[in-house]
Amino acid sequence: MKKHANASGNPGSGAATAVAFESVPETGSNSAAIEHEDIARLAYSYWETRGCPFGSPEEDWFRAEMELLRQTSAPAT
């Protein structure tokens, strides 16, 4: 289940809008160790890198979440 909130300050202006999605952590998974703010910050940076396009913010969110999960589950060296 996901919640979303429009982060645009001026709806209807034709400007690109950022949408934040919050994942509900699954019981027994590493996702509980990842903070929503960390995912949001990384997803936003991916969106900016792609040129702030209209479209599917879920792509950036899931990419950020998977990257952070990978980092937290990687063995320490």
PDB file of N, CA and C in Angstrom:
ATOM      1  N   MET A   1       0.839  -1.170   0.000  1.00  0.00           N
ATOM      2  CA  MET A   1       0.000   0.000   0.000  1.00  0.00           C
ATOM      3  C   MET A   1       0.882   1.231   0.000  1.00  0.00           C
ATOM      4  N   LYS A   2       0.509   2.223  -0.745  1.00  0.00           N
ATOM      5  CA  LYS A   2       1.292   3.437  -0.821  1.00  0.00           C
ATOM      6  C   LYS A   2       0.423   4.643  -0.564  1.00  0.00           C
ATOM      7  N   LYS A   3       1.036   5.645   0.037  1.00  0.00           N
ATOM      8  CA  LYS A   3       0.385   6.934   0.217  1.00  0.00           C
ATOM      9  C   LYS A   3       1.115   7.894  -0.692  1.00  0.00           C
ATOM     10  N   HIS A   4       0.436   8.868  -1.222  1.00  0.00           N
ATOM     11  CA  HIS A   4       1.140   9.864  -2.005  1.00  0.00           C
ATOM     12  C   HIS A   4       0.599  11.246  -1.723  1.00  0.00           C
ATOM     13  N   ALA A   5       1.495  12.183  -1.905  1.00  0.00           N
ATOM     14  CA  ALA A   5       1.136  13.578  -1.663  1.00  0.00           C
ATOM     15  C   ALA A   5       1.760  14.425  -2.742  1.00  0.00           C
ATOM     16  N   ASN A   6       1.015  15.338  -3.279  1.00  0.00           N
ATOM     17  CA  ASN A   6       1.522  16.247  -4.288  1.00  0.00           C
ATOM     18  C   ASN A   6       2.384  17.287  -3.590  1.00  0.00           C
ATOM     19  N   ALA A   7       3.624  17.428  -4.059  1.00  0.00           N
ATOM     20  CA  ALA A   7       4.542  18.369  -3.432  1.00  0.00           C
ATOM     21  C   ALA A   7       4.657  19.664  -4.223  1.00  0.00           C
ATOM     22  N   SER A   8       3.798  19.859  -5.194  1.00  0.00           N
ATOM     23  CA  SER A   8       3.852  21.073  -6.001  1.00  0.00           C
ATOM     24  C   SER A   8       3.271  22.228  -5.214  1.00  0.00           C
ATOM     25  N   GLY A   9       3.892  23.380  -5.352  1.00  0.00           N
ATOM     26  CA  GLY A   9       3.387  24.545  -4.640  1.00  0.00           C
ATOM     27  C   GLY A   9       2.363  25.310  -5.438  1.00  0.00           C
ATOM     28  N   ASN A  10       2.181  24.981  -6.734  1.00  0.00           N
ATOM     29  CA  ASN A  10       1.289  25.759  -7.575  1.00  0.00           C
ATOM     30  C   ASN A  10       0.543  24.837  -8.541  1.00  0.00           C
ATOM     31  N   PRO A  11      -0.504  24.151  -8.085  1.00  0.00           N
ATOM     32  CA  PRO A  11      -1.215  23.229  -8.957  1.00  0.00           C
ATOM     33  C   PRO A  11      -1.855  23.944 -10.131  1.00  0.00           C
ATOM     34  N   GLY A  12      -1.840  23.268 -11.266  1.00  0.00           N
ATOM     35  CA  GLY A  12      -2.474  23.817 -12.442  1.00  0.00           C
ATOM     36  C   GLY A  12      -1.619  24.820 -13.196  1.00  0.00           C
ATOM     37  N   SER A  13      -0.394  25.041 -12.766  1.00  0.00           N
ATOM     38  CA  SER A  13       0.467  26.026 -13.418  1.00  0.00           C
ATOM     39  C   SER A  13       1.178  25.455 -14.626  1.00  0.00           C
ATOM     40  N   GLY A  14       1.091  24.144 -14.832  1.00  0.00           N
ATOM     41  CA  GLY A  14       1.795  23.514 -15.928  1.00  0.00           C
ATOM     42  C   GLY A  14       3.224  23.156 -15.560  1.00  0.00           C
ATOM     43  N   ALA A  15       3.647  23.499 -14.354  1.00  0.00           N
ATOM     44  CA  ALA A  15       4.994  23.168 -13.905  1.00  0.00           C
ATOM     45  C   ALA A  15       5.035  21.701 -13.494  1.00  0.00           C
ATOM     46  N   ALA A  16       6.212  21.135 -13.573  1.00  0.00           N
ATOM     47  CA  ALA A  16       6.385  19.744 -13.154  1.00  0.00           C
ATOM     48  C   ALA A  16       6.079  19.630 -11.670  1.00  0.00           C
ATOM     49  N   THR A  17       5.462  18.549 -11.288  1.00  0.00           N
ATOM     50  CA  THR A  17       5.163  18.339  -9.878  1.00  0.00           C
ATOM     51  C   THR A  17       5.912  17.121  -9.384  1.00  0.00           C
ATOM     52  N   ALA A  18       6.387  17.192  -8.167  1.00  0.00           N
ATOM     53  CA  ALA A  18       7.048  16.062  -7.528  1.00  0.00           C
ATOM     54  C   ALA A  18       6.020  15.376  -6.642  1.00  0.00           C
ATOM     55  N   VAL A  19       6.044  14.077  -6.650  1.00  0.00           N
ATOM     56  CA  VAL A  19       5.130  13.312  -5.830  1.00  0.00           C
ATOM     57  C   VAL A  19       5.951  12.392  -4.946  1.00  0.00           C
ATOM     58  N   ALA A  20       5.699  12.430  -3.660  1.00  0.00           N
ATOM     59  CA  ALA A  20       6.409  11.565  -2.731  1.00  0.00           C
ATOM     60  C   ALA A  20       5.550  10.351  -2.418  1.00  0.00           C
ATOM     61  N   PHE A  21       6.168   9.196  -2.382  1.00  0.00           N
ATOM     62  CA  PHE A  21       5.471   7.964  -2.064  1.00  0.00           C
ATOM     63  C   PHE A  21       6.102   7.354  -0.831  1.00  0.00           C
ATOM     64  N   GLU A  22       5.268   6.828   0.013  1.00  0.00           N
ATOM     65  CA  GLU A  22       5.743   6.205   1.235  1.00  0.00           C
ATOM     66  C   GLU A  22       5.404   4.732   1.185  1.00  0.00           C
ATOM     67  N   SER A  23       6.411   3.894   1.293  1.00  0.00           N
ATOM     68  CA  SER A  23       6.180   2.460   1.323  1.00  0.00           C
ATOM     69  C   SER A  23       5.854   2.038   2.738  1.00  0.00           C
ATOM     70  N   VAL A  24       4.964   1.113   2.871  1.00  0.00           N
ATOM     71  CA  VAL A  24       4.651   0.537   4.164  1.00  0.00           C
ATOM     72  C   VAL A  24       5.595  -0.637   4.357  1.00  0.00           C
ATOM     73  N   PRO A  25       6.445  -0.616   5.394  1.00  0.00           N
ATOM     74  CA  PRO A  25       7.422  -1.683   5.575  1.00  0.00           C
ATOM     75  C   PRO A  25       6.764  -3.029   5.786  1.00  0.00           C
ATOM     76  N   GLU A  26       7.358  -4.042   5.170  1.00  0.00           N
ATOM     77  CA  GLU A  26       6.885  -5.405   5.364  1.00  0.00           C
ATOM     78  C   GLU A  26       7.514  -5.941   6.642  1.00  0.00           C
ATOM     79  N   THR A  27       6.799  -6.784   7.343  1.00  0.00           N
ATOM     80  CA  THR A  27       7.312  -7.367   8.568  1.00  0.00           C
ATOM     81  C   THR A  27       8.494  -8.264   8.243  1.00  0.00           C
ATOM     82  N   GLY A  28       9.579  -8.093   8.978  1.00  0.00           N
ATOM     83  CA  GLY A  28      10.746  -8.939   8.799  1.00  0.00           C
ATOM     84  C   GLY A  28      11.647  -8.529   7.652  1.00  0.00           C
ATOM     85  N   SER A  29      11.416  -7.398   7.029  1.00  0.00           N
ATOM     86  CA  SER A  29      12.263  -6.979   5.913  1.00  0.00           C
ATOM     87  C   SER A  29      13.209  -5.877   6.370  1.00  0.00           C
ATOM     88  N   ASN A  30      14.217  -5.590   5.541  1.00  0.00           N
ATOM     89  CA  ASN A  30      15.163  -4.517   5.834  1.00  0.00           C
ATOM     90  C   ASN A  30      14.566  -3.149   5.601  1.00  0.00           C
ATOM     91  N   SER A  31      13.396  -3.065   4.964  1.00  0.00           N
ATOM     92  CA  SER A  31      12.830  -1.761   4.622  1.00  0.00           C
ATOM     93  C   SER A  31      12.508  -0.935   5.864  1.00  0.00           C
ATOM     94  N   ALA A  32      12.323  -1.581   7.017  1.00  0.00           N
ATOM     95  CA  ALA A  32      12.053  -0.839   8.236  1.00  0.00           C
ATOM     96  C   ALA A  32      13.268  -0.021   8.661  1.00  0.00           C
ATOM     97  N   ALA A  33      14.472  -0.460   8.259  1.00  0.00           N
ATOM     98  CA  ALA A  33      15.698   0.230   8.619  1.00  0.00           C
ATOM     99  C   ALA A  33      15.944   1.449   7.738  1.00  0.00           C
ATOM    100  N   ILE A  34      15.241   1.548   6.625  1.00  0.00           N
ATOM    101  CA  ILE A  34      15.418   2.658   5.704  1.00  0.00           C
ATOM    102  C   ILE A  34      14.387   3.730   6.016  1.00  0.00           C
ATOM    103  N   GLU A  35      14.860   4.934   6.195  1.00  0.00           N
ATOM    104  CA  GLU A  35      13.981   6.047   6.527  1.00  0.00           C
ATOM    105  C   GLU A  35      13.306   6.607   5.279  1.00  0.00           C
ATOM    106  N   HIS A  36      12.055   6.976   5.423  1.00  0.00           N
ATOM    107  CA  HIS A  36      11.281   7.573   4.339  1.00  0.00           C
ATOM    108  C   HIS A  36      12.004   8.780   3.756  1.00  0.00           C
ATOM    109  N   GLU A  37      12.563   9.612   4.627  1.00  0.00           N
ATOM    110  CA  GLU A  37      13.266  10.824   4.186  1.00  0.00           C
ATOM    111  C   GLU A  37      14.467  10.483   3.315  1.00  0.00           C
ATOM    112  N   ASP A  38      15.177   9.397   3.643  1.00  0.00           N
ATOM    113  CA  ASP A  38      16.341   8.987   2.852  1.00  0.00           C
ATOM    114  C   ASP A  38      15.922   8.563   1.449  1.00  0.00           C
ATOM    115  N   ILE A  39      14.845   7.797   1.364  1.00  0.00           N
ATOM    116  CA  ILE A  39      14.343   7.357   0.059  1.00  0.00           C
ATOM    117  C   ILE A  39      13.882   8.565  -0.744  1.00  0.00           C
ATOM    118  N   ALA A  40      13.129   9.449  -0.100  1.00  0.00           N
ATOM    119  CA  ALA A  40      12.609  10.632  -0.783  1.00  0.00           C
ATOM    120  C   ALA A  40      13.741  11.508  -1.316  1.00  0.00           C
ATOM    121  N   ARG A  41      14.773  11.697  -0.519  1.00  0.00           N
ATOM    122  CA  ARG A  41      15.903  12.531  -0.930  1.00  0.00           C
ATOM    123  C   ARG A  41      16.613  11.927  -2.142  1.00  0.00           C
ATOM    124  N   LEU A  42      16.865  10.618  -2.114  1.00  0.00           N
ATOM    125  CA  LEU A  42      17.543   9.956  -3.220  1.00  0.00           C
ATOM    126  C   LEU A  42      16.664   9.921  -4.463  1.00  0.00           C
ATOM    127  N   ALA A  43      15.378   9.638  -4.298  1.00  0.00           N
ATOM    128  CA  ALA A  43      14.452   9.617  -5.433  1.00  0.00           C
ATOM    129  C   ALA A  43      14.377  10.995  -6.086  1.00  0.00           C
ATOM    130  N   TYR A  44      14.370  12.031  -5.291  1.00  0.00           N
ATOM    131  CA  TYR A  44      14.325  13.388  -5.831  1.00  0.00           C
ATOM    132  C   TYR A  44      15.584  13.686  -6.641  1.00  0.00           C
ATOM    133  N   SER A  45      16.723  13.221  -6.144  1.00  0.00           N
ATOM    134  CA  SER A  45      17.968  13.456  -6.887  1.00  0.00           C
ATOM    135  C   SER A  45      17.955  12.704  -8.215  1.00  0.00           C
ATOM    136  N   TYR A  46      17.381  11.502  -8.242  1.00  0.00           N
ATOM    137  CA  TYR A  46      17.256  10.760  -9.507  1.00  0.00           C
ATOM    138  C   TYR A  46      16.361  11.524 -10.473  1.00  0.00           C
ATOM    139  N   TRP A  47      15.247  12.062  -9.960  1.00  0.00           N
ATOM    140  CA  TRP A  47      14.305  12.819 -10.788  1.00  0.00           C
ATOM    141  C   TRP A  47      14.975  14.057 -11.372  1.00  0.00           C
ATOM    142  N   GLU A  48      15.727  14.769 -10.525  1.00  0.00           N
ATOM    143  CA  GLU A  48      16.444  15.956 -11.006  1.00  0.00           C
ATOM    144  C   GLU A  48      17.469  15.583 -12.078  1.00  0.00           C
ATOM    145  N   THR A  49      18.175  14.491 -11.867  1.00  0.00           N
ATOM    146  CA  THR A  49      19.184  14.032 -12.823  1.00  0.00           C
ATOM    147  C   THR A  49      18.550  13.711 -14.175  1.00  0.00           C
ATOM    148  N   ARG A  50      17.311  13.222 -14.143  1.00  0.00           N
ATOM    149  CA  ARG A  50      16.607  12.893 -15.387  1.00  0.00           C
ATOM    150  C   ARG A  50      16.000  14.140 -16.039  1.00  0.00           C
ATOM    151  N   GLY A  51      16.212  15.302 -15.464  1.00  0.00           N
ATOM    152  CA  GLY A  51      15.726  16.540 -16.062  1.00  0.00           C
ATOM    153  C   GLY A  51      14.345  16.950 -15.613  1.00  0.00           C
ATOM    154  N   CYS A  52      13.886  16.458 -14.473  1.00  0.00           N
ATOM    155  CA  CYS A  52      12.588  16.816 -13.892  1.00  0.00           C
ATOM    156  C   CYS A  52      11.420  16.582 -14.861  1.00  0.00           C
ATOM    157  N   PRO A  53      11.352  15.408 -15.468  1.00  0.00           N
ATOM    158  CA  PRO A  53      10.299  15.164 -16.447  1.00  0.00           C
ATOM    159  C   PRO A  53       8.943  14.880 -15.808  1.00  0.00           C
ATOM    160  N   PHE A  54       7.889  15.073 -16.605  1.00  0.00           N
ATOM    161  CA  PHE A  54       6.577  14.593 -16.191  1.00  0.00           C
ATOM    162  C   PHE A  54       6.620  13.084 -16.302  1.00  0.00           C
ATOM    163  N   GLY A  55       5.709  12.419 -15.683  1.00  0.00           N
ATOM    164  CA  GLY A  55       5.653  10.974 -15.853  1.00  0.00           C
ATOM    165  C   GLY A  55       5.467  10.263 -14.545  1.00  0.00           C
ATOM    166  N   SER A  56       6.240   9.235 -14.396  1.00  0.00           N
ATOM    167  CA  SER A  56       6.043   8.282 -13.334  1.00  0.00           C
ATOM    168  C   SER A  56       7.088   8.453 -12.219  1.00  0.00           C
ATOM    169  N   PRO A  57       6.744   9.138 -11.131  1.00  0.00           N
ATOM    170  CA  PRO A  57       7.704   9.296 -10.036  1.00  0.00           C
ATOM    171  C   PRO A  57       7.981   7.983  -9.313  1.00  0.00           C
ATOM    172  N   GLU A  58       7.113   7.002  -9.516  1.00  0.00           N
ATOM    173  CA  GLU A  58       7.322   5.704  -8.883  1.00  0.00           C
ATOM    174  C   GLU A  58       8.648   5.087  -9.318  1.00  0.00           C
ATOM    175  N   GLU A  59       9.035   5.332 -10.578  1.00  0.00           N
ATOM    176  CA  GLU A  59      10.287   4.784 -11.099  1.00  0.00           C
ATOM    177  C   GLU A  59      11.468   5.229 -10.239  1.00  0.00           C
ATOM    178  N   ASP A  60      11.544   6.522  -9.947  1.00  0.00           N
ATOM    179  CA  ASP A  60      12.629   7.055  -9.127  1.00  0.00           C
ATOM    180  C   ASP A  60      12.525   6.563  -7.688  1.00  0.00           C
ATOM    181  N   TRP A  61      11.300   6.501  -7.176  1.00  0.00           N
ATOM    182  CA  TRP A  61      11.095   6.049  -5.798  1.00  0.00           C
ATOM    183  C   TRP A  61      11.564   4.611  -5.625  1.00  0.00           C
ATOM    184  N   PHE A  62      11.129   3.720  -6.525  1.00  0.00           N
ATOM    185  CA  PHE A  62      11.507   2.315  -6.400  1.00  0.00           C
ATOM    186  C   PHE A  62      12.998   2.118  -6.628  1.00  0.00           C
ATOM    187  N   ARG A  63      13.577   2.887  -7.534  1.00  0.00           N
ATOM    188  CA  ARG A  63      15.024   2.808  -7.763  1.00  0.00           C
ATOM    189  C   ARG A  63      15.774   3.203  -6.494  1.00  0.00           C
ATOM    190  N   ALA A  64      15.361   4.290  -5.864  1.00  0.00           N
ATOM    191  CA  ALA A  64      15.999   4.753  -4.630  1.00  0.00           C
ATOM    192  C   ALA A  64      15.820   3.732  -3.511  1.00  0.00           C
ATOM    193  N   GLU A  65      14.621   3.205  -3.382  1.00  0.00           N
ATOM    194  CA  GLU A  65      14.352   2.230  -2.331  1.00  0.00           C
ATOM    195  C   GLU A  65      15.209   0.978  -2.511  1.00  0.00           C
ATOM    196  N   MET A  66      15.303   0.487  -3.747  1.00  0.00           N
ATOM    197  CA  MET A  66      16.104  -0.707  -4.020  1.00  0.00           C
ATOM    198  C   MET A  66      17.591  -0.438  -3.754  1.00  0.00           C
ATOM    199  N   GLU A  67      18.071   0.744  -4.135  1.00  0.00           N
ATOM    200  CA  GLU A  67      19.467   1.092  -3.899  1.00  0.00           C
ATOM    201  C   GLU A  67      19.768   1.131  -2.408  1.00  0.00           C
ATOM    202  N   LEU A  68      18.900   1.748  -1.634  1.00  0.00           N
ATOM    203  CA  LEU A  68      19.119   1.822  -0.192  1.00  0.00           C
ATOM    204  C   LEU A  68      18.994   0.451   0.470  1.00  0.00           C
ATOM    205  N   LEU A  69      18.060  -0.362   0.001  1.00  0.00           N
ATOM    206  CA  LEU A  69      17.945  -1.727   0.517  1.00  0.00           C
ATOM    207  C   LEU A  69      19.208  -2.526   0.233  1.00  0.00           C
ATOM    208  N   ARG A  70      19.721  -2.368  -0.988  1.00  0.00           N
ATOM    209  CA  ARG A  70      20.938  -3.072  -1.381  1.00  0.00           C
ATOM    210  C   ARG A  70      22.105  -2.655  -0.477  1.00  0.00           C
ATOM    211  N   GLN A  71      22.190  -1.361  -0.211  1.00  0.00           N
ATOM    212  CA  GLN A  71      23.276  -0.854   0.644  1.00  0.00           C
ATOM    213  C   GLN A  71      23.170  -1.362   2.066  1.00  0.00           C
ATOM    214  N   THR A  72      21.955  -1.465   2.610  1.00  0.00           N
ATOM    215  CA  THR A  72      21.784  -1.907   3.988  1.00  0.00           C
ATOM    216  C   THR A  72      21.954  -3.402   4.131  1.00  0.00           C
ATOM    217  N   SER A  73      21.725  -4.157   3.055  1.00  0.00           N
ATOM    218  CA  SER A  73      21.854  -5.609   3.149  1.00  0.00           C
ATOM    219  C   SER A  73      23.229  -6.104   2.719  1.00  0.00           C
ATOM    220  N   ALA A  74      24.064  -5.212   2.159  1.00  0.00           N
ATOM    221  CA  ALA A  74      25.411  -5.595   1.750  1.00  0.00           C
ATOM    222  C   ALA A  74      26.264  -5.845   2.974  1.00  0.00           C
ATOM    223  N   PRO A  75      27.087  -6.885   2.917  1.00  0.00           N
ATOM    224  CA  PRO A  75      27.960  -7.159   4.063  1.00  0.00           C
ATOM    225  C   PRO A  75      28.998  -6.057   4.222  1.00  0.00           C
ATOM    226  N   ALA A  76      29.298  -5.717   5.445  1.00  0.00           N
ATOM    227  CA  ALA A  76      30.297  -4.687   5.741  1.00  0.00           C
ATOM    228  C   ALA A  76      31.677  -5.202   5.352  1.00  0.00           C
ATOM    229  N   THR A  77      32.469  -4.314   4.759  1.00  0.00           N
ATOM    230  CA  THR A  77      33.821  -4.722   4.363  1.00  0.00           C
ATOM    231  C   THR A  77      34.867  -4.028   5.161  1.00  0.00           C
TER     232      THR A  77
END
